[in-house]
Amino acid sequence: MREKSVTYKQLSAASGVKISTFKAWRHHNSITPRSIQAALSAVDLRALPVPFLETLPSPLAEKLREIGDKHGIEPPISQLVMLAADAPKMRAGQC
């Protein structure tokens, strides 16, 4: 929220998720997929299910490791970032 300069009130209004729900998430309450998707959408982000790095084809896994290393990102975050942003480029061999 700090990175996107969004308050609880703004996030709640944009996502339809109650402020108390956001605050409860900080204390290990369950997060539903619908709530997390709504919250992420409110700050122009999205969640994508991704396979574990170890289950990907070796060339793709290696490329993700290289990109993660280049940007100082550890898996599985590098998986999420790259699969969300560059999957079409990877499939086309442009990355």
Protein backbone atom coordinates (compact mmCIF):
# COMPACT_ATOMS: atom_id res chain seq x y z
CA MET A 1 0.00 0.00 0.00
CA ARG A 2 2.83 2.35 0.81
CA GLU A 3 4.47 1.66 -2.56
CA LYS A 4 1.23 2.57 -4.37
CA SER A 5 0.42 5.49 -2.01
CA VAL A 6 -3.01 4.08 -1.20
CA THR A 7 -4.81 4.32 2.12
CA TYR A 8 -7.02 1.61 3.63
CA LYS A 9 -10.04 3.81 2.91
CA GLN A 10 -9.11 4.29 -0.75
CA LEU A 11 -8.33 0.60 -1.20
CA SER A 12 -11.61 -0.37 0.44
CA ALA A 13 -13.61 1.98 -1.77
CA ALA A 14 -11.89 0.79 -4.95
CA SER A 15 -12.01 -2.94 -4.16
CA GLY A 16 -15.20 -3.38 -2.17
CA VAL A 17 -13.20 -5.14 0.57
CA LYS A 18 -13.78 -3.83 4.11
CA ILE A 19 -10.98 -1.98 5.90
CA SER A 20 -11.33 -4.42 8.80
CA THR A 21 -10.64 -7.29 6.37
CA PHE A 22 -7.37 -5.72 5.22
CA LYS A 23 -6.31 -5.16 8.80
CA ALA A 24 -7.29 -8.72 9.78
CA TRP A 25 -5.04 -10.10 7.02
CA ARG A 26 -2.07 -8.70 8.91
CA HIS A 27 -2.92 -11.00 11.81
CA HIS A 28 -2.99 -14.30 9.91
CA ASN A 29 -6.69 -14.39 9.07
CA SER A 30 -7.67 -16.27 5.94
CA ILE A 31 -7.66 -14.42 2.65
CA THR A 32 -10.16 -15.52 0.04
CA PRO A 33 -9.10 -15.54 -3.60
CA ARG A 34 -11.93 -13.14 -4.42
CA SER A 35 -10.80 -10.64 -1.75
CA ILE A 36 -7.14 -10.73 -2.72
CA GLN A 37 -8.00 -10.32 -6.40
CA ALA A 38 -10.24 -7.34 -5.62
CA ALA A 39 -7.57 -5.72 -3.46
CA LEU A 40 -4.83 -6.23 -6.07
CA SER A 41 -7.05 -4.96 -8.88
CA ALA A 42 -7.65 -1.76 -6.92
CA VAL A 43 -3.93 -0.95 -7.18
CA ASP A 44 -3.50 -2.17 -10.78
CA LEU A 45 -1.98 -5.54 -9.88
CA ARG A 46 -3.13 -9.12 -10.34
CA ALA A 47 -2.40 -12.50 -8.87
CA LEU A 48 -1.55 -15.41 -11.11
CA PRO A 49 -1.18 -19.03 -10.13
CA VAL A 50 2.24 -20.21 -11.24
CA PRO A 51 3.96 -23.57 -11.13
CA PHE A 52 6.96 -24.13 -8.92
CA LEU A 53 10.20 -23.23 -10.67
CA GLU A 54 11.36 -26.84 -10.38
CA THR A 55 8.40 -28.07 -12.44
CA LEU A 56 8.96 -25.75 -15.40
CA PRO A 57 10.87 -26.81 -18.50
CA SER A 58 14.60 -26.33 -17.89
CA PRO A 59 15.13 -23.54 -20.48
CA LEU A 60 12.27 -21.48 -19.05
CA ALA A 61 13.35 -22.09 -15.46
CA GLU A 62 16.92 -21.03 -16.29
CA LYS A 63 15.69 -17.87 -18.04
CA LEU A 64 13.58 -16.98 -15.01
CA ARG A 65 16.57 -17.52 -12.71
CA GLU A 66 18.74 -15.28 -14.92
CA ILE A 67 16.15 -12.52 -14.96
CA GLY A 68 15.58 -12.83 -11.22
CA ASP A 69 19.33 -12.67 -10.57
CA LYS A 70 19.68 -9.66 -12.87
CA HIS A 71 17.05 -7.76 -10.89
CA GLY A 72 17.88 -9.16 -7.45
CA ILE A 73 14.56 -11.02 -7.17
CA GLU A 74 14.41 -14.42 -5.50
CA PRO A 75 12.03 -17.14 -6.67
CA PRO A 76 9.10 -17.53 -6.45
CA ILE A 77 8.65 -13.78 -6.89
CA SER A 78 10.69 -13.84 -10.08
CA GLN A 79 8.35 -16.53 -11.42
CA LEU A 80 5.30 -14.44 -10.77
CA VAL A 81 6.79 -11.27 -12.19
CA MET A 82 8.10 -12.89 -15.32
CA LEU A 83 5.10 -15.09 -16.04
CA ALA A 84 2.79 -12.12 -15.59
CA ALA A 85 4.87 -9.69 -17.63
CA ASP A 86 6.83 -11.62 -20.21
CA ALA A 87 5.21 -15.00 -20.80
CA PRO A 88 4.12 -14.07 -24.33
CA LYS A 89 7.65 -12.87 -25.15
CA MET A 90 9.17 -16.06 -23.72
CA ARG A 91 6.89 -18.25 -25.79
CA ALA A 92 7.87 -16.24 -28.87
CA GLY A 93 11.59 -16.48 -28.00
CA GLN A 94 11.94 -12.70 -27.66
CA CYS A 95 13.06 -12.55 -24.04
